[in-house]
Amino acid sequence: MKDSFGPTSLAVCAIAAALCAGCASVSLPPADGYSVQAGNTEYYARSVKIHGQWVEMETENGPVWANSVVSIKPRAASASTSAAPPGRGAAQGREQELRRQLAESIPMKQYGYTIRELRFSPDYTKALVVFTHADTKARPDWEFVLKADEFGRYNGMNNQPFYTPGTANTPAIYLTVTFPK
């Protein structure tokens, strides 16, 4: 087996390098992962490729494409090598499924709320959901903090922020979003 490249191999490499110099695709160098902010969603990716205005990310839940990327930051190596890697919530890379299930929730179906804001903690173990209503005087914003469990669910509870005629108090409303494995 030869350890050196012949003139033909070097010429092929030079041509390939010249052709790829004008390519719009760039792979970011290896790191401990990347934190990618795309719109209101933060993703944790093992690898990132930039294709012109599009970004392709390889996440734990498969590939994700985004075109509204605000920032890409390499994740810092952990200070302790003996520490277990941080857990990730099931919603990572599945924001649309979470929104679909929230559309079936009591605040949206029974009371006419819409999602004003959806944010995640950096490790996706918590989600902040802020519902808003067209009639903000009668129906103030309604916030839920959903916490991930080890079964692929996000659970949260908050009291109804408005009075319902015929009741003595404002009831607690529970939300659960379940992600199939």
N, C-alpha and C. Protein backbone atom coordinates (compact mmCIF):
# COMPACT_ATOMS: atom_id res chain seq x y z
N MET A 1 0.84 -1.18 0.00
CA MET A 1 0.00 0.00 0.00
C MET A 1 0.89 1.24 0.00
N LYS A 2 0.56 2.22 -0.80
CA LYS A 2 1.33 3.46 -0.89
C LYS A 2 0.95 4.41 0.24
N ASP A 3 1.95 5.09 0.78
CA ASP A 3 1.70 6.09 1.81
C ASP A 3 1.65 7.49 1.24
N SER A 4 2.05 7.68 0.01
CA SER A 4 2.05 9.02 -0.57
C SER A 4 1.06 9.08 -1.73
N PHE A 5 0.68 10.28 -2.08
CA PHE A 5 -0.23 10.50 -3.19
C PHE A 5 0.57 10.71 -4.46
N GLY A 6 0.08 10.18 -5.54
CA GLY A 6 0.71 10.39 -6.84
C GLY A 6 0.25 11.70 -7.43
N PRO A 7 0.85 12.12 -8.53
CA PRO A 7 0.48 13.39 -9.18
C PRO A 7 -0.99 13.43 -9.58
N THR A 8 -1.55 12.29 -10.02
CA THR A 8 -2.96 12.28 -10.42
C THR A 8 -3.87 12.52 -9.23
N SER A 9 -3.57 11.89 -8.10
CA SER A 9 -4.38 12.07 -6.89
C SER A 9 -4.33 13.51 -6.42
N LEU A 10 -3.15 14.11 -6.47
CA LEU A 10 -3.02 15.50 -6.04
C LEU A 10 -3.78 16.43 -6.96
N ALA A 11 -3.77 16.15 -8.25
CA ALA A 11 -4.50 16.98 -9.20
C ALA A 11 -6.00 16.90 -8.95
N VAL A 12 -6.51 15.69 -8.67
CA VAL A 12 -7.93 15.50 -8.38
C VAL A 12 -8.30 16.25 -7.10
N CYS A 13 -7.46 16.17 -6.08
CA CYS A 13 -7.72 16.89 -4.82
C CYS A 13 -7.72 18.40 -5.04
N ALA A 14 -6.80 18.90 -5.87
CA ALA A 14 -6.74 20.34 -6.14
C ALA A 14 -7.99 20.81 -6.87
N ILE A 15 -8.45 20.02 -7.85
CA ILE A 15 -9.67 20.38 -8.59
C ILE A 15 -10.87 20.37 -7.66
N ALA A 16 -10.98 19.35 -6.81
CA ALA A 16 -12.11 19.25 -5.87
C ALA A 16 -12.09 20.43 -4.89
N ALA A 17 -10.90 20.78 -4.41
CA ALA A 17 -10.80 21.91 -3.48
C ALA A 17 -11.20 23.21 -4.16
N ALA A 18 -10.80 23.39 -5.42
CA ALA A 18 -11.16 24.61 -6.15
C ALA A 18 -12.66 24.68 -6.40
N LEU A 19 -13.26 23.55 -6.73
CA LEU A 19 -14.71 23.54 -6.97
C LEU A 19 -15.49 23.80 -5.69
N CYS A 20 -15.04 23.24 -4.57
CA CYS A 20 -15.76 23.39 -3.31
C CYS A 20 -15.55 24.75 -2.67
N ALA A 21 -14.52 25.48 -3.12
CA ALA A 21 -14.26 26.80 -2.54
C ALA A 21 -15.44 27.73 -2.77
N GLY A 22 -16.17 27.54 -3.86
CA GLY A 22 -17.31 28.39 -4.16
C GLY A 22 -18.64 27.82 -3.66
N CYS A 23 -18.60 26.68 -2.99
CA CYS A 23 -19.83 26.05 -2.51
C CYS A 23 -20.46 26.89 -1.40
N ALA A 24 -21.76 26.84 -1.31
CA ALA A 24 -22.47 27.56 -0.26
C ALA A 24 -22.63 26.72 0.99
N SER A 25 -22.18 25.46 0.98
CA SER A 25 -22.32 24.59 2.14
C SER A 25 -21.03 24.57 2.95
N VAL A 26 -21.19 24.73 4.26
CA VAL A 26 -20.05 24.72 5.17
C VAL A 26 -20.43 23.87 6.38
N SER A 27 -19.56 22.93 6.75
CA SER A 27 -19.75 22.15 7.98
C SER A 27 -18.93 22.81 9.08
N LEU A 28 -19.55 23.02 10.23
CA LEU A 28 -18.82 23.60 11.35
C LEU A 28 -17.88 22.55 11.93
N PRO A 29 -16.75 23.00 12.51
CA PRO A 29 -15.76 22.04 13.02
C PRO A 29 -16.32 21.23 14.19
N PRO A 30 -15.73 20.05 14.46
CA PRO A 30 -16.21 19.21 15.57
C PRO A 30 -16.17 19.97 16.89
N ALA A 31 -17.18 19.74 17.71
CA ALA A 31 -17.28 20.34 19.04
C ALA A 31 -18.09 19.40 19.91
N ASP A 32 -18.33 19.79 21.16
CA ASP A 32 -19.16 18.99 22.06
C ASP A 32 -20.63 19.19 21.76
N GLY A 33 -20.92 19.76 20.62
CA GLY A 33 -22.29 20.06 20.23
C GLY A 33 -22.45 21.55 20.06
N TYR A 34 -23.60 21.94 19.55
CA TYR A 34 -23.87 23.35 19.28
C TYR A 34 -25.23 23.72 19.84
N SER A 35 -25.33 24.95 20.31
CA SER A 35 -26.60 25.53 20.71
C SER A 35 -27.01 26.46 19.56
N VAL A 36 -28.14 26.14 18.92
CA VAL A 36 -28.58 26.89 17.75
C VAL A 36 -29.91 27.57 18.07
N GLN A 37 -29.94 28.89 18.01
CA GLN A 37 -31.16 29.66 18.24
C GLN A 37 -31.80 29.94 16.89
N ALA A 38 -32.98 29.35 16.65
CA ALA A 38 -33.71 29.55 15.40
C ALA A 38 -35.09 30.08 15.74
N GLY A 39 -35.32 31.35 15.44
CA GLY A 39 -36.59 31.96 15.83
C GLY A 39 -36.70 31.97 17.35
N ASN A 40 -37.81 31.44 17.90
CA ASN A 40 -38.00 31.36 19.34
C ASN A 40 -37.59 30.02 19.91
N THR A 41 -36.98 29.16 19.11
CA THR A 41 -36.64 27.82 19.55
C THR A 41 -35.13 27.66 19.62
N GLU A 42 -34.68 26.99 20.67
CA GLU A 42 -33.26 26.70 20.79
C GLU A 42 -33.07 25.20 20.61
N TYR A 43 -32.16 24.82 19.74
CA TYR A 43 -31.87 23.43 19.45
C TYR A 43 -30.48 23.08 19.97
N TYR A 44 -30.28 21.81 20.31
CA TYR A 44 -28.96 21.30 20.66
C TYR A 44 -28.59 20.29 19.61
N ALA A 45 -27.55 20.59 18.86
CA ALA A 45 -27.19 19.78 17.70
C ALA A 45 -25.81 19.16 17.89
N ARG A 46 -25.68 17.92 17.40
CA ARG A 46 -24.37 17.26 17.40
C ARG A 46 -23.49 17.83 16.30
N SER A 47 -24.10 18.16 15.17
CA SER A 47 -23.34 18.73 14.06
C SER A 47 -24.21 19.77 13.36
N VAL A 48 -23.54 20.71 12.70
CA VAL A 48 -24.24 21.79 12.01
C VAL A 48 -23.60 22.00 10.65
N LYS A 49 -24.45 22.10 9.62
CA LYS A 49 -23.99 22.43 8.27
C LYS A 49 -24.78 23.64 7.81
N ILE A 50 -24.09 24.59 7.21
CA ILE A 50 -24.74 25.80 6.71
C ILE A 50 -24.81 25.70 5.19
N HIS A 51 -26.02 25.79 4.66
CA HIS A 51 -26.27 25.72 3.22
C HIS A 51 -26.89 27.05 2.79
N GLY A 52 -26.07 28.03 2.47
CA GLY A 52 -26.59 29.34 2.10
C GLY A 52 -27.33 29.94 3.28
N GLN A 53 -28.63 30.22 3.13
CA GLN A 53 -29.41 30.79 4.22
C GLN A 53 -30.03 29.72 5.12
N TRP A 54 -29.89 28.45 4.76
CA TRP A 54 -30.46 27.34 5.54
C TRP A 54 -29.39 26.71 6.42
N VAL A 55 -29.82 26.22 7.58
CA VAL A 55 -28.94 25.52 8.49
C VAL A 55 -29.51 24.13 8.72
N GLU A 56 -28.66 23.12 8.54
CA GLU A 56 -29.05 21.73 8.79
C GLU A 56 -28.38 21.30 10.09
N MET A 57 -29.19 20.79 11.02
CA MET A 57 -28.68 20.36 12.32
C MET A 57 -28.99 18.89 12.53
N GLU A 58 -28.06 18.16 13.10
CA GLU A 58 -28.30 16.78 13.48
C GLU A 58 -28.56 16.77 14.98
N THR A 59 -29.84 16.55 15.36
CA THR A 59 -30.22 16.54 16.77
C THR A 59 -30.47 15.10 17.22
N GLU A 60 -30.75 14.93 18.51
CA GLU A 60 -31.05 13.60 19.04
C GLU A 60 -32.29 13.01 18.38
N ASN A 61 -33.18 13.87 17.88
CA ASN A 61 -34.42 13.41 17.26
C ASN A 61 -34.36 13.41 15.74
N GLY A 62 -33.16 13.47 15.19
CA GLY A 62 -33.01 13.45 13.75
C GLY A 62 -32.65 14.80 13.19
N PRO A 63 -32.59 14.91 11.86
CA PRO A 63 -32.18 16.17 11.24
C PRO A 63 -33.26 17.25 11.36
N VAL A 64 -32.81 18.48 11.51
CA VAL A 64 -33.71 19.64 11.58
C VAL A 64 -33.13 20.70 10.64
N TRP A 65 -33.99 21.31 9.84
CA TRP A 65 -33.60 22.40 8.95
C TRP A 65 -34.25 23.68 9.45
N ALA A 66 -33.51 24.78 9.39
CA ALA A 66 -34.05 26.08 9.82
C ALA A 66 -33.48 27.17 8.93
N ASN A 67 -34.28 28.22 8.71
CA ASN A 67 -33.79 29.34 7.91
C ASN A 67 -33.85 30.66 8.65
N SER A 68 -34.29 30.66 9.88
CA SER A 68 -34.35 31.90 10.66
C SER A 68 -33.40 31.82 11.85
N VAL A 69 -32.17 31.41 11.58
CA VAL A 69 -31.20 31.20 12.65
C VAL A 69 -30.65 32.54 13.13
N VAL A 70 -30.68 32.71 14.45
CA VAL A 70 -30.18 33.94 15.06
C VAL A 70 -28.74 33.77 15.51
N SER A 71 -28.43 32.60 16.11
CA SER A 71 -27.06 32.38 16.58
C SER A 71 -26.74 30.90 16.62
N ILE A 72 -25.45 30.60 16.48
CA ILE A 72 -24.92 29.25 16.61
C ILE A 72 -23.72 29.35 17.52
N LYS A 73 -23.76 28.65 18.64
CA LYS A 73 -22.66 28.70 19.60
C LYS A 73 -22.20 27.29 19.93
N PRO A 74 -20.88 27.05 19.94
CA PRO A 74 -20.41 25.74 20.39
C PRO A 74 -20.70 25.59 21.87
N ARG A 75 -21.10 24.40 22.26
CA ARG A 75 -21.35 24.15 23.68
C ARG A 75 -20.02 23.95 24.38
N ALA A 76 -19.90 24.51 25.56
CA ALA A 76 -18.66 24.40 26.33
C ALA A 76 -18.52 22.99 26.87
N ALA A 77 -17.28 22.52 26.93
CA ALA A 77 -17.03 21.20 27.53
C ALA A 77 -17.33 21.28 29.01
N SER A 78 -17.84 20.21 29.57
CA SER A 78 -18.18 20.22 30.99
C SER A 78 -16.91 20.26 31.82
N ALA A 79 -17.01 20.90 32.98
CA ALA A 79 -15.85 21.05 33.85
C ALA A 79 -15.42 19.71 34.43
N SER A 80 -16.35 18.83 34.66
CA SER A 80 -16.04 17.53 35.24
C SER A 80 -16.29 16.44 34.21
N THR A 81 -15.31 15.59 34.01
CA THR A 81 -15.49 14.51 33.04
C THR A 81 -16.25 13.35 33.64
N SER A 82 -16.39 13.32 34.97
CA SER A 82 -17.12 12.22 35.61
C SER A 82 -18.61 12.49 35.70
N ALA A 83 -19.02 13.73 35.44
CA ALA A 83 -20.44 14.06 35.53
C ALA A 83 -21.19 13.45 34.36
N ALA A 84 -22.39 12.98 34.65
CA ALA A 84 -23.23 12.42 33.58
C ALA A 84 -23.69 13.54 32.66
N PRO A 85 -23.87 13.27 31.37
CA PRO A 85 -24.34 14.33 30.48
C PRO A 85 -25.74 14.77 30.89
N PRO A 86 -26.05 16.06 30.70
CA PRO A 86 -27.36 16.54 31.13
C PRO A 86 -28.48 15.88 30.33
N GLY A 87 -29.62 15.69 30.98
CA GLY A 87 -30.77 15.11 30.31
C GLY A 87 -31.38 16.10 29.34
N ARG A 88 -32.09 15.59 28.40
CA ARG A 88 -32.77 16.43 27.42
C ARG A 88 -34.24 16.09 27.45
N GLY A 89 -35.05 17.11 27.38
CA GLY A 89 -36.49 16.91 27.33
C GLY A 89 -36.91 16.37 25.98
N ALA A 90 -38.04 15.70 25.95
CA ALA A 90 -38.53 15.05 24.73
C ALA A 90 -38.93 16.04 23.65
N ALA A 91 -39.15 17.31 23.99
CA ALA A 91 -39.61 18.29 23.00
C ALA A 91 -38.49 18.83 22.12
N GLN A 92 -37.26 18.48 22.43
CA GLN A 92 -36.15 19.00 21.64
C GLN A 92 -36.33 18.59 20.19
N GLY A 93 -36.43 19.58 19.31
CA GLY A 93 -36.62 19.34 17.89
C GLY A 93 -38.04 18.95 17.50
N ARG A 94 -38.99 19.01 18.45
CA ARG A 94 -40.37 18.61 18.18
C ARG A 94 -41.37 19.69 18.58
N GLU A 95 -41.00 20.93 18.38
CA GLU A 95 -41.85 22.04 18.79
C GLU A 95 -43.22 22.00 18.12
N GLN A 96 -43.27 21.60 16.85
CA GLN A 96 -44.55 21.57 16.13
C GLN A 96 -45.51 20.56 16.76
N GLU A 97 -45.01 19.43 17.19
CA GLU A 97 -45.87 18.43 17.85
C GLU A 97 -46.39 18.99 19.18
N LEU A 98 -45.56 19.69 19.92
CA LEU A 98 -45.99 20.30 21.17
C LEU A 98 -47.09 21.32 20.90
N ARG A 99 -46.90 22.17 19.89
CA ARG A 99 -47.92 23.16 19.53
C ARG A 99 -49.22 22.48 19.09
N ARG A 100 -49.11 21.38 18.34
CA ARG A 100 -50.30 20.67 17.88
C ARG A 100 -51.11 20.15 19.07
N GLN A 101 -50.41 19.57 20.06
CA GLN A 101 -51.12 19.05 21.23
C GLN A 101 -51.68 20.18 22.10
N LEU A 102 -50.96 21.29 22.20
CA LEU A 102 -51.48 22.43 22.97
C LEU A 102 -52.73 23.01 22.30
N ALA A 103 -52.85 22.89 20.99
CA ALA A 103 -54.05 23.38 20.28
C ALA A 103 -55.29 22.62 20.71
N GLU A 104 -55.12 21.44 21.29
CA GLU A 104 -56.24 20.63 21.78
C GLU A 104 -56.49 20.85 23.28
N SER A 105 -55.74 21.76 23.90
CA SER A 105 -55.83 21.97 25.35
C SER A 105 -57.05 22.81 25.73
N ILE A 106 -57.40 22.78 27.00
CA ILE A 106 -58.55 23.52 27.53
C ILE A 106 -58.45 25.02 27.27
N PRO A 107 -57.28 25.67 27.53
CA PRO A 107 -57.24 27.11 27.27
C PRO A 107 -57.57 27.48 25.82
N MET A 108 -57.16 26.66 24.88
CA MET A 108 -57.39 26.99 23.47
C MET A 108 -58.77 26.53 23.00
N LYS A 109 -59.15 25.31 23.32
CA LYS A 109 -60.41 24.78 22.80
C LYS A 109 -61.64 25.36 23.51
N GLN A 110 -61.59 25.44 24.85
CA GLN A 110 -62.77 25.87 25.59
C GLN A 110 -62.86 27.37 25.81
N TYR A 111 -61.71 28.04 25.86
CA TYR A 111 -61.74 29.47 26.21
C TYR A 111 -61.22 30.39 25.11
N GLY A 112 -60.82 29.88 23.95
CA GLY A 112 -60.44 30.71 22.82
C GLY A 112 -59.08 31.36 22.90
N TYR A 113 -58.18 30.85 23.72
CA TYR A 113 -56.83 31.39 23.82
C TYR A 113 -55.99 30.93 22.63
N THR A 114 -54.91 31.67 22.37
CA THR A 114 -53.91 31.27 21.38
C THR A 114 -52.55 31.30 22.06
N ILE A 115 -51.57 30.66 21.47
CA ILE A 115 -50.22 30.66 22.05
C ILE A 115 -49.52 31.96 21.65
N ARG A 116 -49.14 32.73 22.67
CA ARG A 116 -48.40 33.97 22.42
C ARG A 116 -46.90 33.71 22.43
N GLU A 117 -46.48 32.81 23.32
CA GLU A 117 -45.04 32.56 23.48
C GLU A 117 -44.83 31.12 23.91
N LEU A 118 -43.78 30.51 23.37
CA LEU A 118 -43.37 29.16 23.75
C LEU A 118 -41.85 29.17 23.81
N ARG A 119 -41.31 28.94 25.02
CA ARG A 119 -39.85 28.94 25.21
C ARG A 119 -39.47 27.69 25.99
N PHE A 120 -38.21 27.29 25.82
CA PHE A 120 -37.69 26.12 26.52
C PHE A 120 -36.48 26.49 27.35
N SER A 121 -36.27 25.75 28.43
CA SER A 121 -35.02 25.89 29.17
C SER A 121 -33.90 25.32 28.30
N PRO A 122 -32.64 25.67 28.56
CA PRO A 122 -31.55 25.20 27.71
C PRO A 122 -31.49 23.67 27.55
N ASP A 123 -31.90 22.94 28.56
CA ASP A 123 -31.85 21.47 28.47
C ASP A 123 -33.19 20.85 28.08
N TYR A 124 -34.16 21.68 27.73
CA TYR A 124 -35.49 21.23 27.30
C TYR A 124 -36.24 20.43 28.36
N THR A 125 -35.90 20.61 29.63
CA THR A 125 -36.64 19.92 30.68
C THR A 125 -37.83 20.74 31.16
N LYS A 126 -37.90 22.01 30.75
CA LYS A 126 -39.04 22.86 31.09
C LYS A 126 -39.45 23.65 29.86
N ALA A 127 -40.75 23.89 29.76
CA ALA A 127 -41.28 24.72 28.68
C ALA A 127 -42.19 25.78 29.29
N LEU A 128 -42.04 27.02 28.88
CA LEU A 128 -42.93 28.09 29.29
C LEU A 128 -43.91 28.32 28.15
N VAL A 129 -45.20 28.19 28.47
CA VAL A 129 -46.25 28.43 27.48
C VAL A 129 -47.08 29.61 27.97
N VAL A 130 -47.17 30.66 27.16
CA VAL A 130 -47.99 31.82 27.51
C VAL A 130 -49.12 31.88 26.49
N PHE A 131 -50.34 31.72 27.00
CA PHE A 131 -51.53 31.84 26.17
C PHE A 131 -52.04 33.27 26.27
N THR A 132 -52.60 33.78 25.18
CA THR A 132 -53.18 35.12 25.18
C THR A 132 -54.57 35.03 24.54
N HIS A 133 -55.38 36.04 24.83
CA HIS A 133 -56.76 36.07 24.33
C HIS A 133 -57.01 37.41 23.65
N ALA A 134 -57.89 37.44 22.68
CA ALA A 134 -58.22 38.69 21.97
C ALA A 134 -58.82 39.71 22.94
N ASP A 135 -59.61 39.26 23.91
CA ASP A 135 -60.22 40.15 24.91
C ASP A 135 -59.34 40.13 26.16
N THR A 136 -58.27 40.93 26.15
CA THR A 136 -57.30 40.89 27.25
C THR A 136 -57.84 41.45 28.56
N LYS A 137 -58.94 42.23 28.53
CA LYS A 137 -59.52 42.74 29.78
C LYS A 137 -60.27 41.64 30.51
N ALA A 138 -61.07 40.88 29.79
CA ALA A 138 -61.83 39.81 30.42
C ALA A 138 -61.01 38.54 30.58
N ARG A 139 -60.04 38.34 29.70
CA ARG A 139 -59.23 37.11 29.71
C ARG A 139 -57.74 37.48 29.71
N PRO A 140 -57.12 37.64 30.88
CA PRO A 140 -55.69 37.98 30.92
C PRO A 140 -54.83 36.81 30.41
N ASP A 141 -53.56 37.12 30.11
CA ASP A 141 -52.63 36.07 29.69
C ASP A 141 -52.60 34.96 30.73
N TRP A 142 -52.34 33.75 30.25
CA TRP A 142 -52.39 32.56 31.09
C TRP A 142 -51.09 31.79 30.87
N GLU A 143 -50.27 31.68 31.91
CA GLU A 143 -48.95 31.04 31.80
C GLU A 143 -48.94 29.66 32.44
N PHE A 144 -48.22 28.77 31.77
CA PHE A 144 -47.98 27.43 32.31
C PHE A 144 -46.49 27.14 32.19
N VAL A 145 -45.91 26.53 33.23
CA VAL A 145 -44.57 25.98 33.14
C VAL A 145 -44.75 24.47 33.11
N LEU A 146 -44.38 23.87 31.99
CA LEU A 146 -44.50 22.43 31.82
C LEU A 146 -43.14 21.81 32.10
N LYS A 147 -43.13 20.76 32.92
CA LYS A 147 -41.88 20.09 33.29
C LYS A 147 -41.85 18.70 32.68
N ALA A 148 -40.70 18.34 32.10
CA ALA A 148 -40.54 17.03 31.47
C ALA A 148 -40.32 15.97 32.53
N ASP A 149 -40.87 14.79 32.27
CA ASP A 149 -40.57 13.64 33.13
C ASP A 149 -39.82 12.60 32.30
N GLU A 150 -39.46 11.50 32.94
CA GLU A 150 -38.67 10.48 32.26
C GLU A 150 -39.49 9.60 31.31
N PHE A 151 -40.78 9.90 31.16
CA PHE A 151 -41.66 9.10 30.31
C PHE A 151 -42.03 9.82 29.01
N GLY A 152 -41.34 10.91 28.69
CA GLY A 152 -41.61 11.63 27.46
C GLY A 152 -42.84 12.53 27.53
N ARG A 153 -43.19 12.96 28.75
CA ARG A 153 -44.34 13.86 28.93
C ARG A 153 -43.88 15.18 29.52
N TYR A 154 -44.67 16.22 29.25
CA TYR A 154 -44.51 17.52 29.89
C TYR A 154 -45.82 17.78 30.63
N ASN A 155 -45.72 18.08 31.93
CA ASN A 155 -46.90 18.33 32.76
C ASN A 155 -46.79 19.69 33.42
N GLY A 156 -47.94 20.33 33.57
CA GLY A 156 -47.99 21.61 34.27
C GLY A 156 -49.40 21.94 34.70
N MET A 157 -49.52 22.85 35.65
CA MET A 157 -50.82 23.24 36.18
C MET A 157 -50.77 24.72 36.53
N ASN A 158 -51.91 25.39 36.33
CA ASN A 158 -52.07 26.77 36.78
C ASN A 158 -53.55 27.02 36.97
N ASN A 159 -53.87 27.91 37.90
CA ASN A 159 -55.27 28.27 38.11
C ASN A 159 -55.77 29.13 36.96
N GLN A 160 -57.03 29.00 36.68
CA GLN A 160 -57.67 29.82 35.66
C GLN A 160 -57.57 31.28 36.09
N PRO A 161 -57.06 32.18 35.23
CA PRO A 161 -56.82 33.56 35.65
C PRO A 161 -58.04 34.49 35.54
N PHE A 162 -59.22 33.93 35.38
CA PHE A 162 -60.42 34.75 35.25
C PHE A 162 -61.56 34.04 35.97
N TYR A 163 -62.54 34.81 36.35
CA TYR A 163 -63.71 34.28 37.06
C TYR A 163 -64.72 33.72 36.06
N THR A 164 -65.26 32.56 36.37
CA THR A 164 -66.31 31.96 35.55
C THR A 164 -67.61 32.06 36.34
N PRO A 165 -68.62 32.73 35.80
CA PRO A 165 -69.89 32.85 36.51
C PRO A 165 -70.45 31.48 36.88
N GLY A 166 -71.00 31.41 38.08
CA GLY A 166 -71.59 30.16 38.55
C GLY A 166 -70.63 29.28 39.32
N THR A 167 -69.37 29.72 39.48
CA THR A 167 -68.41 28.94 40.25
C THR A 167 -67.96 29.76 41.45
N ALA A 168 -67.51 29.07 42.49
CA ALA A 168 -67.07 29.75 43.70
C ALA A 168 -65.61 30.19 43.61
N ASN A 169 -64.85 29.55 42.75
CA ASN A 169 -63.44 29.91 42.63
C ASN A 169 -62.96 29.68 41.20
N THR A 170 -61.68 29.97 40.98
CA THR A 170 -61.10 29.70 39.67
C THR A 170 -60.41 28.33 39.74
N PRO A 171 -60.83 27.39 38.93
CA PRO A 171 -60.30 26.03 39.03
C PRO A 171 -58.87 25.91 38.51
N ALA A 172 -58.20 24.87 38.99
CA ALA A 172 -56.87 24.54 38.47
C ALA A 172 -57.04 23.80 37.15
N ILE A 173 -56.22 24.14 36.19
CA ILE A 173 -56.24 23.48 34.88
C ILE A 173 -54.90 22.77 34.71
N TYR A 174 -54.95 21.51 34.33
CA TYR A 174 -53.74 20.70 34.14
C TYR A 174 -53.50 20.49 32.65
N LEU A 175 -52.25 20.64 32.23
CA LEU A 175 -51.88 20.38 30.85
C LEU A 175 -50.84 19.24 30.83
N THR A 176 -51.02 18.32 29.89
CA THR A 176 -50.05 17.24 29.67
C THR A 176 -49.84 17.09 28.18
N VAL A 177 -48.59 17.10 27.78
CA VAL A 177 -48.21 16.85 26.39
C VAL A 177 -47.37 15.59 26.40
N THR A 178 -47.71 14.63 25.55
CA THR A 178 -47.01 13.35 25.52
C THR A 178 -46.35 13.14 24.16
N PHE A 179 -45.07 12.78 24.18
CA PHE A 179 -44.34 12.49 22.96
C PHE A 179 -44.14 10.98 22.85
N PRO A 180 -44.59 10.39 21.75
CA PRO A 180 -44.35 8.96 21.58
C PRO A 180 -42.85 8.69 21.40
N LYS A 181 -42.44 7.53 21.81
CA LYS A 181 -41.02 7.16 21.68
C LYS A 181 -40.66 6.83 20.28
